[in-house]
N, C-alpha and C. Protein backbone atom coordinates (compact mmCIF):
# COMPACT_ATOMS: atom_id res chain seq x y z
N UNK A 1 -13.86 -15.63 17.75
CA UNK A 1 -12.94 -14.55 18.06
C UNK A 1 -12.13 -14.93 19.29
N UNK A 2 -10.85 -14.74 19.21
CA UNK A 2 -10.02 -15.08 20.36
C UNK A 2 -10.23 -14.09 21.48
N UNK A 3 -9.89 -14.53 22.68
CA UNK A 3 -10.01 -13.64 23.84
C UNK A 3 -9.11 -12.42 23.68
N UNK A 4 -7.97 -12.62 23.05
CA UNK A 4 -7.04 -11.50 22.87
C UNK A 4 -7.64 -10.43 21.96
N UNK A 5 -8.26 -10.83 20.88
CA UNK A 5 -8.90 -9.86 19.98
C UNK A 5 -10.03 -9.15 20.71
N UNK A 6 -10.85 -9.91 21.37
CA UNK A 6 -11.97 -9.34 22.11
C UNK A 6 -11.48 -8.33 23.14
N UNK A 7 -10.46 -8.69 23.86
CA UNK A 7 -9.91 -7.80 24.88
C UNK A 7 -9.34 -6.52 24.27
N UNK A 8 -8.59 -6.65 23.18
CA UNK A 8 -8.00 -5.49 22.52
C UNK A 8 -9.09 -4.53 22.02
N UNK A 9 -10.14 -5.06 21.44
CA UNK A 9 -11.19 -4.22 20.89
C UNK A 9 -12.07 -3.61 21.97
N UNK A 10 -12.22 -4.30 23.09
CA UNK A 10 -13.01 -3.75 24.19
C UNK A 10 -12.25 -2.68 24.96
N UNK A 11 -10.95 -2.85 25.10
CA UNK A 11 -10.13 -1.95 25.92
C UNK A 11 -9.66 -0.71 25.16
N UNK A 12 -9.74 -0.72 23.85
CA UNK A 12 -9.21 0.38 23.04
C UNK A 12 -10.25 0.83 22.02
N UNK A 13 -10.50 2.11 21.96
CA UNK A 13 -11.47 2.64 21.02
C UNK A 13 -10.98 2.51 19.58
N UNK A 14 -9.69 2.78 19.37
CA UNK A 14 -9.10 2.72 18.03
C UNK A 14 -7.94 1.73 18.07
N UNK A 15 -8.02 0.71 17.22
CA UNK A 15 -6.98 -0.32 17.16
C UNK A 15 -6.53 -0.47 15.71
N UNK A 16 -5.21 -0.50 15.54
CA UNK A 16 -4.63 -0.73 14.23
C UNK A 16 -3.84 -2.03 14.28
N UNK A 17 -4.37 -3.07 13.64
CA UNK A 17 -3.63 -4.33 13.50
C UNK A 17 -2.69 -4.13 12.33
N UNK A 18 -1.41 -4.25 12.59
CA UNK A 18 -0.42 -3.83 11.61
C UNK A 18 0.82 -4.71 11.64
N UNK A 19 1.66 -4.54 10.64
CA UNK A 19 2.96 -5.19 10.61
C UNK A 19 3.96 -4.24 11.24
N UNK A 20 4.48 -4.63 12.39
CA UNK A 20 5.38 -3.78 13.14
C UNK A 20 4.63 -3.03 14.22
N UNK A 21 5.24 -1.94 14.67
CA UNK A 21 4.67 -1.13 15.74
C UNK A 21 4.48 0.30 15.23
N UNK A 22 3.70 1.11 15.95
CA UNK A 22 3.55 2.50 15.51
C UNK A 22 4.89 3.24 15.40
N UNK A 23 5.84 2.88 16.24
CA UNK A 23 7.14 3.54 16.20
C UNK A 23 8.08 2.91 15.18
N UNK A 24 7.77 1.68 14.75
CA UNK A 24 8.61 1.00 13.76
C UNK A 24 7.76 0.09 12.88
N UNK A 25 7.00 0.70 11.96
CA UNK A 25 6.22 -0.11 11.02
C UNK A 25 7.15 -0.92 10.12
N UNK A 26 6.72 -2.15 9.78
CA UNK A 26 7.54 -3.04 8.97
C UNK A 26 7.16 -3.05 7.50
N UNK A 27 6.15 -2.28 7.11
CA UNK A 27 5.80 -2.21 5.69
C UNK A 27 5.26 -0.82 5.39
N UNK A 28 5.27 -0.48 4.14
CA UNK A 28 4.81 0.85 3.72
C UNK A 28 3.35 1.10 4.00
N UNK A 29 2.52 0.07 3.89
CA UNK A 29 1.09 0.24 4.15
C UNK A 29 0.84 0.56 5.62
N UNK A 30 1.53 -0.16 6.50
CA UNK A 30 1.40 0.13 7.93
C UNK A 30 1.93 1.52 8.25
N UNK A 31 3.04 1.89 7.61
CA UNK A 31 3.60 3.24 7.81
C UNK A 31 2.60 4.31 7.38
N UNK A 32 1.95 4.10 6.26
CA UNK A 32 0.95 5.06 5.77
C UNK A 32 -0.21 5.18 6.75
N UNK A 33 -0.69 4.05 7.26
CA UNK A 33 -1.81 4.07 8.21
C UNK A 33 -1.42 4.83 9.48
N UNK A 34 -0.23 4.58 9.99
CA UNK A 34 0.25 5.27 11.19
C UNK A 34 0.37 6.77 10.91
N UNK A 35 0.90 7.12 9.77
CA UNK A 35 1.07 8.53 9.40
C UNK A 35 -0.27 9.24 9.36
N UNK A 36 -1.28 8.59 8.80
CA UNK A 36 -2.62 9.19 8.73
C UNK A 36 -3.19 9.40 10.13
N UNK A 37 -3.12 8.38 10.97
CA UNK A 37 -3.65 8.50 12.33
C UNK A 37 -2.91 9.58 13.11
N UNK A 38 -1.60 9.64 12.96
CA UNK A 38 -0.82 10.68 13.64
C UNK A 38 -1.16 12.07 13.11
N UNK A 39 -1.38 12.20 11.80
CA UNK A 39 -1.74 13.49 11.21
C UNK A 39 -3.06 14.01 11.78
N UNK A 40 -3.95 13.09 12.11
CA UNK A 40 -5.25 13.47 12.68
C UNK A 40 -5.21 13.53 14.21
N UNK A 41 -4.04 13.25 14.79
CA UNK A 41 -3.87 13.22 16.26
C UNK A 41 -4.83 12.23 16.93
N UNK A 42 -4.93 11.05 16.33
CA UNK A 42 -5.82 10.01 16.84
C UNK A 42 -5.03 9.11 17.78
N UNK A 43 -5.43 9.01 19.04
CA UNK A 43 -4.79 8.03 19.93
C UNK A 43 -5.25 6.63 19.52
N UNK A 44 -4.30 5.73 19.36
CA UNK A 44 -4.66 4.39 18.92
C UNK A 44 -3.71 3.36 19.52
N UNK A 45 -4.21 2.13 19.55
CA UNK A 45 -3.41 0.99 20.00
C UNK A 45 -2.92 0.25 18.76
N UNK A 46 -1.63 0.20 18.56
CA UNK A 46 -1.06 -0.57 17.48
C UNK A 46 -0.80 -2.00 17.95
N UNK A 47 -1.14 -2.96 17.12
CA UNK A 47 -0.94 -4.37 17.45
C UNK A 47 -0.10 -5.01 16.34
N UNK A 48 1.07 -5.49 16.71
CA UNK A 48 1.98 -6.11 15.75
C UNK A 48 1.54 -7.55 15.50
N UNK A 49 0.94 -7.78 14.35
CA UNK A 49 0.43 -9.12 14.03
C UNK A 49 1.54 -10.10 13.68
N UNK A 50 2.74 -9.60 13.47
CA UNK A 50 3.86 -10.48 13.15
C UNK A 50 4.38 -11.23 14.38
N UNK A 51 4.00 -10.79 15.56
CA UNK A 51 4.46 -11.42 16.80
C UNK A 51 3.60 -12.62 17.21
N UNK A 52 2.43 -12.79 16.60
CA UNK A 52 1.51 -13.84 17.05
C UNK A 52 0.75 -14.39 15.83
N UNK A 53 1.18 -15.55 15.34
CA UNK A 53 0.58 -16.15 14.15
C UNK A 53 -0.90 -16.48 14.35
N UNK A 54 -1.28 -16.89 15.55
CA UNK A 54 -2.68 -17.20 15.83
C UNK A 54 -3.52 -15.94 15.74
N UNK A 55 -3.05 -14.87 16.34
CA UNK A 55 -3.76 -13.59 16.28
C UNK A 55 -3.88 -13.14 14.83
N UNK A 56 -2.82 -13.28 14.09
CA UNK A 56 -2.81 -12.87 12.68
C UNK A 56 -3.90 -13.60 11.89
N UNK A 57 -4.00 -14.90 12.08
CA UNK A 57 -5.01 -15.70 11.38
C UNK A 57 -6.42 -15.40 11.89
N UNK A 58 -6.55 -15.27 13.21
CA UNK A 58 -7.87 -15.05 13.80
C UNK A 58 -8.46 -13.70 13.44
N UNK A 59 -7.64 -12.67 13.39
CA UNK A 59 -8.17 -11.34 13.06
C UNK A 59 -8.62 -11.30 11.61
N UNK A 60 -7.93 -12.02 10.73
CA UNK A 60 -8.38 -12.09 9.33
C UNK A 60 -9.76 -12.72 9.23
N UNK A 61 -9.97 -13.79 9.99
CA UNK A 61 -11.28 -14.45 9.99
C UNK A 61 -12.34 -13.56 10.62
N UNK A 62 -12.01 -12.97 11.75
CA UNK A 62 -12.95 -12.11 12.47
C UNK A 62 -13.40 -10.94 11.60
N UNK A 63 -12.45 -10.29 10.96
CA UNK A 63 -12.76 -9.09 10.17
C UNK A 63 -13.23 -9.43 8.76
N UNK A 64 -12.99 -10.66 8.34
CA UNK A 64 -13.26 -11.06 6.95
C UNK A 64 -12.54 -10.09 6.01
N UNK A 65 -11.27 -9.85 6.34
CA UNK A 65 -10.43 -8.91 5.59
C UNK A 65 -9.08 -9.57 5.40
N UNK A 66 -8.56 -9.63 4.18
CA UNK A 66 -7.36 -10.44 3.91
C UNK A 66 -6.01 -9.77 4.15
N UNK A 67 -5.98 -8.45 4.28
CA UNK A 67 -4.69 -7.77 4.31
C UNK A 67 -4.52 -6.90 5.55
N UNK A 68 -3.28 -6.51 5.77
CA UNK A 68 -2.93 -5.62 6.87
C UNK A 68 -2.30 -4.37 6.30
N UNK A 69 -2.52 -3.26 6.99
CA UNK A 69 -3.14 -3.07 8.30
C UNK A 69 -4.66 -3.10 8.22
N UNK A 70 -5.25 -3.23 9.42
CA UNK A 70 -6.71 -3.17 9.59
C UNK A 70 -6.99 -2.17 10.69
N UNK A 71 -7.83 -1.21 10.39
CA UNK A 71 -8.20 -0.20 11.37
C UNK A 71 -9.59 -0.50 11.92
N UNK A 72 -9.68 -0.55 13.25
CA UNK A 72 -10.96 -0.75 13.93
C UNK A 72 -11.29 0.49 14.76
N UNK A 73 -12.54 0.87 14.74
CA UNK A 73 -13.06 1.96 15.56
C UNK A 73 -14.29 1.44 16.28
N UNK A 74 -14.27 1.50 17.59
CA UNK A 74 -15.40 0.99 18.40
C UNK A 74 -15.79 -0.42 17.99
N UNK A 75 -14.80 -1.29 17.87
CA UNK A 75 -14.96 -2.72 17.58
C UNK A 75 -15.43 -3.02 16.16
N UNK A 76 -15.51 -1.99 15.31
CA UNK A 76 -15.96 -2.17 13.93
C UNK A 76 -14.79 -1.92 12.98
N UNK A 77 -14.67 -2.75 11.96
CA UNK A 77 -13.64 -2.57 10.96
C UNK A 77 -13.95 -1.34 10.11
N UNK A 78 -12.97 -0.44 10.03
CA UNK A 78 -13.07 0.72 9.14
C UNK A 78 -12.54 0.32 7.77
N UNK A 79 -11.39 -0.34 7.77
CA UNK A 79 -10.80 -0.81 6.51
C UNK A 79 -9.30 -0.88 6.60
N UNK A 80 -8.70 -1.10 5.44
CA UNK A 80 -7.26 -1.19 5.33
C UNK A 80 -6.65 0.11 4.86
N UNK A 81 -5.42 0.03 4.45
CA UNK A 81 -4.66 1.22 4.07
C UNK A 81 -5.32 2.00 2.93
N UNK A 82 -5.72 1.33 1.86
CA UNK A 82 -6.31 2.03 0.72
C UNK A 82 -7.57 2.79 1.11
N UNK A 83 -8.40 2.16 1.92
CA UNK A 83 -9.63 2.81 2.37
C UNK A 83 -9.29 3.98 3.28
N UNK A 84 -8.30 3.80 4.16
CA UNK A 84 -7.89 4.90 5.03
C UNK A 84 -7.39 6.09 4.23
N UNK A 85 -6.57 5.83 3.21
CA UNK A 85 -6.04 6.91 2.37
C UNK A 85 -7.18 7.66 1.69
N UNK A 86 -8.10 6.91 1.09
CA UNK A 86 -9.23 7.54 0.40
C UNK A 86 -10.07 8.37 1.37
N UNK A 87 -10.38 7.79 2.54
CA UNK A 87 -11.20 8.49 3.52
C UNK A 87 -10.48 9.72 4.09
N UNK A 88 -9.17 9.61 4.24
CA UNK A 88 -8.39 10.75 4.73
C UNK A 88 -8.40 11.88 3.70
N UNK A 89 -8.19 11.51 2.45
CA UNK A 89 -8.11 12.53 1.40
C UNK A 89 -9.44 13.26 1.17
N UNK A 90 -10.54 12.54 1.32
CA UNK A 90 -11.83 13.21 1.08
C UNK A 90 -12.48 13.75 2.37
N UNK A 91 -11.80 13.59 3.50
CA UNK A 91 -12.29 14.15 4.76
C UNK A 91 -13.21 13.23 5.55
N UNK A 92 -13.56 12.08 4.98
CA UNK A 92 -14.48 11.17 5.66
C UNK A 92 -13.89 10.56 6.93
N UNK A 93 -12.58 10.32 6.94
CA UNK A 93 -11.97 9.71 8.12
C UNK A 93 -12.01 10.68 9.29
N UNK A 94 -11.68 11.92 9.04
CA UNK A 94 -11.75 12.94 10.10
C UNK A 94 -13.19 13.05 10.61
N UNK A 95 -14.13 13.08 9.69
CA UNK A 95 -15.55 13.17 10.07
C UNK A 95 -15.98 11.97 10.91
N UNK A 96 -15.50 10.79 10.55
CA UNK A 96 -15.84 9.58 11.30
C UNK A 96 -15.32 9.67 12.74
N UNK A 97 -14.08 10.11 12.89
CA UNK A 97 -13.52 10.25 14.23
C UNK A 97 -14.21 11.37 15.02
N UNK A 98 -14.62 12.42 14.33
CA UNK A 98 -15.37 13.49 15.01
C UNK A 98 -16.73 12.99 15.46
N UNK A 99 -17.38 12.21 14.62
CA UNK A 99 -18.71 11.65 14.95
C UNK A 99 -18.64 10.79 16.20
N UNK A 100 -17.54 10.07 16.34
CA UNK A 100 -17.36 9.20 17.52
C UNK A 100 -16.63 9.91 18.66
N UNK A 101 -16.47 11.22 18.52
CA UNK A 101 -15.87 12.07 19.55
C UNK A 101 -14.46 11.65 19.93
N UNK A 102 -13.71 11.19 18.92
CA UNK A 102 -12.30 10.86 19.13
C UNK A 102 -11.47 12.13 18.97
N UNK A 103 -11.90 13.00 18.05
CA UNK A 103 -11.26 14.31 17.86
C UNK A 103 -12.34 15.36 17.84
C-alpha cells in the first residue's frame, strides 16, 4: 500500500476513490456514488484517481477491486457503485453509517 493511500484512509473516515471530484464527477458511476453520499449527508473525502496513475493502480491492488468508484469506511472497502446503490435502496448503507456513528 502506498503512503498516500495509507494517509488518506487514516486521515478520513469515509473516502471515495472516484473519477473526477465530488463537485465534478467524470462518469455516471462516480456521480451516482456522490449523489448517494450527499443524500445521506455523509461527509467524505473524494479522491480523483485520474490525477495519479500510480494511486489508481495501487488502490486497485490494495482493495482487490477492479472498478471505480470505491467507497471506504474506516479503512475497509464497502464496495463500488452497484453495491452502494443496492445498499442505499434497501437501507443497509444508512444503517452501516449509523453503526459507525457517521450519521
